[in-house]
C-alpha atoms as a PDB file:
ATOM      1  CA  MET A   1     -49.777  -9.746 -11.386  1.00  0.00           C
ATOM      2  CA  ASP A   2     -46.207 -10.855 -10.828  1.00  0.00           C
ATOM      3  CA  THR A   3     -43.501  -8.941 -12.679  1.00  0.00           C
ATOM      4  CA  PRO A   4     -41.064 -11.014 -14.713  1.00  0.00           C
ATOM      5  CA  ARG A   5     -37.708 -11.692 -13.165  1.00  0.00           C
ATOM      6  CA  SER A   6     -34.423 -11.041 -14.906  1.00  0.00           C
ATOM      7  CA  PRO A   7     -32.906 -14.344 -16.039  1.00  0.00           C
ATOM      8  CA  ILE A   8     -29.441 -13.189 -14.957  1.00  0.00           C
ATOM      9  CA  PRO A   9     -29.230 -11.658 -11.480  1.00  0.00           C
ATOM     10  CA  ALA A  10     -27.528  -8.270 -11.320  1.00  0.00           C
ATOM     11  CA  ILE A  11     -25.144  -9.604  -8.674  1.00  0.00           C
ATOM     12  CA  PRO A  12     -24.638 -13.344  -9.114  1.00  0.00           C
ATOM     13  CA  GLY A  13     -25.790 -15.231  -6.041  1.00  0.00           C
ATOM     14  CA  ALA A  14     -26.950 -12.098  -4.238  1.00  0.00           C
ATOM     15  CA  PRO A  15     -30.423 -12.088  -2.721  1.00  0.00           C
ATOM     16  CA  GLU A  16     -33.022  -9.971  -4.489  1.00  0.00           C
ATOM     17  CA  SER A  17     -33.083  -7.430  -1.638  1.00  0.00           C
ATOM     18  CA  VAL A  18     -29.372  -6.725  -2.177  1.00  0.00           C
ATOM     19  CA  GLN A  19     -29.920  -6.314  -5.910  1.00  0.00           C
ATOM     20  CA  GLU A  20     -32.762  -3.865  -5.338  1.00  0.00           C
ATOM     21  CA  LYS A  21     -30.661  -1.771  -2.944  1.00  0.00           C
ATOM     22  CA  SER A  22     -27.718  -1.763  -5.336  1.00  0.00           C
ATOM     23  CA  GLY A  23     -29.609   0.316  -7.903  1.00  0.00           C
ATOM     24  CA  PHE A  24     -29.527  -2.310 -10.639  1.00  0.00           C
ATOM     25  CA  ARG A  25     -32.599  -2.473 -12.819  1.00  0.00           C
ATOM     26  CA  THR A  26     -33.706  -6.079 -12.449  1.00  0.00           C
ATOM     27  CA  LYS A  27     -37.430  -5.764 -13.139  1.00  0.00           C
ATOM     28  CA  SER A  28     -39.234  -5.189 -16.414  1.00  0.00           C
ATOM     29  CA  ILE A  29     -42.709  -4.029 -17.342  1.00  0.00           C
ATOM     30  CA  GLY A  30     -44.553  -4.225 -20.627  1.00  0.00           C
ATOM     31  CA  THR A  31     -47.633  -2.859 -22.311  1.00  0.00           C
ATOM     32  CA  ARG A  32     -49.381  -3.114 -25.651  1.00  0.00           C
ATOM     33  CA  VAL A  33     -49.805  -0.127 -27.937  1.00  0.00           C
ATOM     34  CA  THR A  34     -51.263   0.457 -31.374  1.00  0.00           C
ATOM     35  CA  PRO A  35     -48.925   1.009 -34.327  1.00  0.00           C
ATOM     36  CA  GLU A  36     -49.839   4.715 -34.256  1.00  0.00           C
ATOM     37  CA  GLU A  37     -49.094   4.985 -30.523  1.00  0.00           C
ATOM     38  CA  LEU A  38     -45.775   3.261 -31.119  1.00  0.00           C
ATOM     39  CA  ARG A  39     -44.884   5.763 -33.860  1.00  0.00           C
ATOM     40  CA  LEU A  40     -45.750   8.649 -31.514  1.00  0.00           C
ATOM     41  CA  ILE A  41     -43.600   7.238 -28.725  1.00  0.00           C
ATOM     42  CA  GLU A  42     -40.686   6.506 -31.048  1.00  0.00           C
ATOM     43  CA  ALA A  43     -40.897  10.031 -32.483  1.00  0.00           C
ATOM     44  CA  ALA A  44     -40.889  11.538 -28.986  1.00  0.00           C
ATOM     45  CA  ALA A  45     -37.840   9.496 -27.978  1.00  0.00           C
ATOM     46  CA  GLU A  46     -36.017  10.475 -31.165  1.00  0.00           C
ATOM     47  CA  ARG A  47     -36.972  14.133 -30.704  1.00  0.00           C
ATOM     48  CA  ASP A  48     -35.455  14.026 -27.202  1.00  0.00           C
ATOM     49  CA  GLY A  49     -32.343  12.238 -28.492  1.00  0.00           C
ATOM     50  CA  LYS A  50     -32.940   9.185 -26.321  1.00  0.00           C
ATOM     51  CA  LYS A  51     -33.207   5.482 -26.879  1.00  0.00           C
ATOM     52  CA  PHE A  52     -36.760   4.146 -26.878  1.00  0.00           C
ATOM     53  CA  ALA A  53     -36.426   2.196 -23.597  1.00  0.00           C
ATOM     54  CA  GLU A  54     -34.700   5.101 -21.849  1.00  0.00           C
ATOM     55  CA  TRP A  55     -37.427   7.527 -22.944  1.00  0.00           C
ATOM     56  CA  MET A  56     -40.187   5.127 -21.846  1.00  0.00           C
ATOM     57  CA  ARG A  57     -38.597   4.538 -18.436  1.00  0.00           C
ATOM     58  CA  GLU A  58     -38.199   8.267 -17.791  1.00  0.00           C
ATOM     59  CA  ALA A  59     -41.765   9.028 -18.931  1.00  0.00           C
ATOM     60  CA  VAL A  60     -43.271   6.316 -16.736  1.00  0.00           C
ATOM     61  CA  LEU A  61     -41.210   7.270 -13.679  1.00  0.00           C
ATOM     62  CA  LYS A  62     -41.991  10.956 -14.137  1.00  0.00           C
ATOM     63  CA  ALA A  63     -45.714  10.232 -14.351  1.00  0.00           C
ATOM     64  CA  ALA A  64     -45.578   7.890 -11.355  1.00  0.00           C
ATOM     65  CA  ALA A  65     -43.753  10.422  -9.195  1.00  0.00           C
ATOM     66  CA  GLY A  66     -46.321  13.121  -9.910  1.00  0.00           C
ATOM     67  CA  PRO A  67     -45.746  16.842  -9.716  1.00  0.00           C
ATOM     68  CA  PRO A  68     -43.890  18.431  -6.806  1.00  0.00           C
ATOM     69  CA  ALA A  69     -46.091  18.904  -3.759  1.00  0.00           C
ATOM     70  CA  ASP A  70     -45.118  22.538  -3.287  1.00  0.00           C
ATOM     71  CA  THR A  71     -42.651  25.255  -4.212  1.00  0.00           C
ATOM     72  CA  ALA A  72     -40.194  24.146  -1.530  1.00  0.00           C
ATOM     73  CA  GLU A  73     -40.117  20.648  -2.986  1.00  0.00           C
ATOM     74  CA  LEU A  74     -39.567  22.015  -6.497  1.00  0.00           C
ATOM     75  CA  LEU A  75     -36.670  24.181  -5.307  1.00  0.00           C
ATOM     76  CA  LEU A  76     -35.178  21.312  -3.340  1.00  0.00           C
ATOM     77  CA  GLU A  77     -35.391  19.121  -6.457  1.00  0.00           C
ATOM     78  CA  GLU A  78     -33.412  21.644  -8.448  1.00  0.00           C
ATOM     79  CA  LEU A  79     -30.852  22.044  -5.654  1.00  0.00           C
ATOM     80  CA  ALA A  80     -30.463  18.271  -5.454  1.00  0.00           C
ATOM     81  CA  ALA A  81     -29.919  18.116  -9.214  1.00  0.00           C
ATOM     82  CA  LEU A  82     -27.438  20.977  -9.091  1.00  0.00           C
ATOM     83  CA  ARG A  83     -25.500  19.310  -6.273  1.00  0.00           C
ATOM     84  CA  TYR A  84     -25.388  16.036  -8.208  1.00  0.00           C
ATOM     85  CA  ILE A  85     -24.195  17.829 -11.349  1.00  0.00           C
ATOM     86  CA  VAL A  86     -21.488  19.839  -9.582  1.00  0.00           C
ATOM     87  CA  LEU A  87     -20.069  16.841  -7.716  1.00  0.00           C
ATOM     88  CA  ASN A  88     -20.139  14.474 -10.677  1.00  0.00           C
ATOM     89  CA  LEU A  89     -18.960  17.023 -13.206  1.00  0.00           C
ATOM     90  CA  SER A  90     -16.024  17.947 -10.949  1.00  0.00           C
ATOM     91  CA  ASP A  91     -15.107  14.287 -10.583  1.00  0.00           C
ATOM     92  CA  ALA A  92     -15.418  13.571 -14.322  1.00  0.00           C
ATOM     93  CA  THR A  93     -13.363  16.654 -15.187  1.00  0.00           C
ATOM     94  CA  ALA A  94     -10.615  15.665 -12.751  1.00  0.00           C
ATOM     95  CA  ARG A  95     -10.495  12.131 -14.166  1.00  0.00           C
ATOM     96  CA  ALA A  96     -10.253  13.446 -17.720  1.00  0.00           C
ATOM     97  CA  ALA A  97      -7.513  15.898 -16.719  1.00  0.00           C
ATOM     98  CA  GLN A  98      -5.492  13.092 -15.123  1.00  0.00           C
ATOM     99  CA  ASN A  99      -5.428  11.404 -18.520  1.00  0.00           C
ATOM    100  CA  SER A 100      -4.727  14.693 -20.346  1.00  0.00           C
ATOM    101  CA  GLU A 101      -8.103  14.444 -22.057  1.00  0.00           C
ATOM    102  CA  SER A 102     -11.013  16.792 -22.436  1.00  0.00           C
ATOM    103  CA  LEU A 103     -14.399  15.899 -21.055  1.00  0.00           C
ATOM    104  CA  PRO A 104     -16.585  14.434 -23.828  1.00  0.00           C
ATOM    105  CA  PRO A 105     -19.969  16.167 -24.268  1.00  0.00           C
ATOM    106  CA  GLU A 106     -21.812  12.857 -23.876  1.00  0.00           C
ATOM    107  CA  VAL A 107     -20.458  12.556 -20.320  1.00  0.00           C
ATOM    108  CA  VAL A 108     -21.926  15.954 -19.466  1.00  0.00           C
ATOM    109  CA  LEU A 109     -25.274  14.923 -20.972  1.00  0.00           C
ATOM    110  CA  ARG A 110     -25.287  11.644 -19.010  1.00  0.00           C
ATOM    111  CA  ILE A 111     -24.590  13.530 -15.787  1.00  0.00           C
ATOM    112  CA  ARG A 112     -27.421  15.967 -16.497  1.00  0.00           C
ATOM    113  CA  GLU A 113     -29.849  13.164 -17.352  1.00  0.00           C
ATOM    114  CA  ALA A 114     -28.906  11.260 -14.197  1.00  0.00           C
ATOM    115  CA  ALA A 115     -29.398  14.410 -12.111  1.00  0.00           C
ATOM    116  CA  ASP A 116     -32.827  14.988 -13.637  1.00  0.00           C
ATOM    117  CA  SER A 117     -33.916  11.396 -13.091  1.00  0.00           C
ATOM    118  CA  ARG A 118     -32.802  11.387  -9.426  1.00  0.00           C
ATOM    119  CA  LYS A 119     -33.779  14.846  -8.250  1.00  0.00           C
ATOM    120  CA  ARG A 120     -37.406  14.190  -7.280  1.00  0.00           C
ATOM    121  CA  GLY A 121     -36.598  11.083  -5.254  1.00  0.00           C
ATOM    122  CA  THR A 122     -33.695  12.802  -3.534  1.00  0.00           C
ATOM    123  CA  ALA A 123     -35.784  15.865  -2.678  1.00  0.00           C
ATOM    124  CA  ARG A 124     -38.664  13.799  -1.301  1.00  0.00           C
ATOM    125  CA  LYS A 125     -36.274  11.713   0.785  1.00  0.00           C
ATOM    126  CA  LEU A 126     -34.672  14.849   2.242  1.00  0.00           C
ATOM    127  CA  LEU A 127     -38.081  16.365   3.001  1.00  0.00           C
ATOM    128  CA  GLU A 128     -39.279  13.169   4.675  1.00  0.00           C
ATOM    129  CA  GLU A 129     -36.134  13.059   6.797  1.00  0.00           C
ATOM    130  CA  PHE A 130     -36.516  16.718   7.714  1.00  0.00           C
ATOM    131  CA  ARG A 131     -40.223  16.445   8.527  1.00  0.00           C
ATOM    132  CA  GLY A 132     -39.621  13.269  10.509  1.00  0.00           C
ATOM    133  CA  SER A 133     -37.014  14.998  12.645  1.00  0.00           C
ATOM    134  CA  ALA A 134     -39.152  18.076  13.353  1.00  0.00           C
ATOM    135  CA  THR A 135     -40.273  18.442  16.940  1.00  0.00           C
ATOM    136  CA  PRO A 136     -44.008  18.471  17.800  1.00  0.00           C
ATOM    137  CA  SER A 137     -43.897  22.252  18.261  1.00  0.00           C
ATOM    138  CA  GLY A 138     -42.999  22.535  14.567  1.00  0.00           C
ATOM    139  CA  SER A 139     -39.429  23.663  15.019  1.00  0.00           C
ATOM    140  CA  GLY A 140     -36.794  21.938  12.909  1.00  0.00           C
ATOM    141  CA  ARG A 141     -33.474  20.421  13.825  1.00  0.00           C
END
């Protein structure tokens, strides 16, 4: 089955491969649910303080990624999230300070949510790079 294409490209005139690399969400998926299932999903999104589409995307991606393969991967995920949070929080704080403003709580929440949504992919990428660079004798870099 072919996924529907966005009517407006993320980068006008750019080939699809560039759009995919840029991180823009240009694809959509859909499913049918019963009214009761819809109420359950809406309640879960509201309980988590998220918009319906955001909650659905995170739930689907989390399920697709599966659980961490091992303890090392889990720890690396958390380190990747922590690194993302520290770097982005430092940057956001500096920008706010330049304008003599305080950092709004919603910015902190967005940074945390972004860190959580990226951590598994980042950790797996780092592990793949590390394992790919290991020598046949099993020693690392």
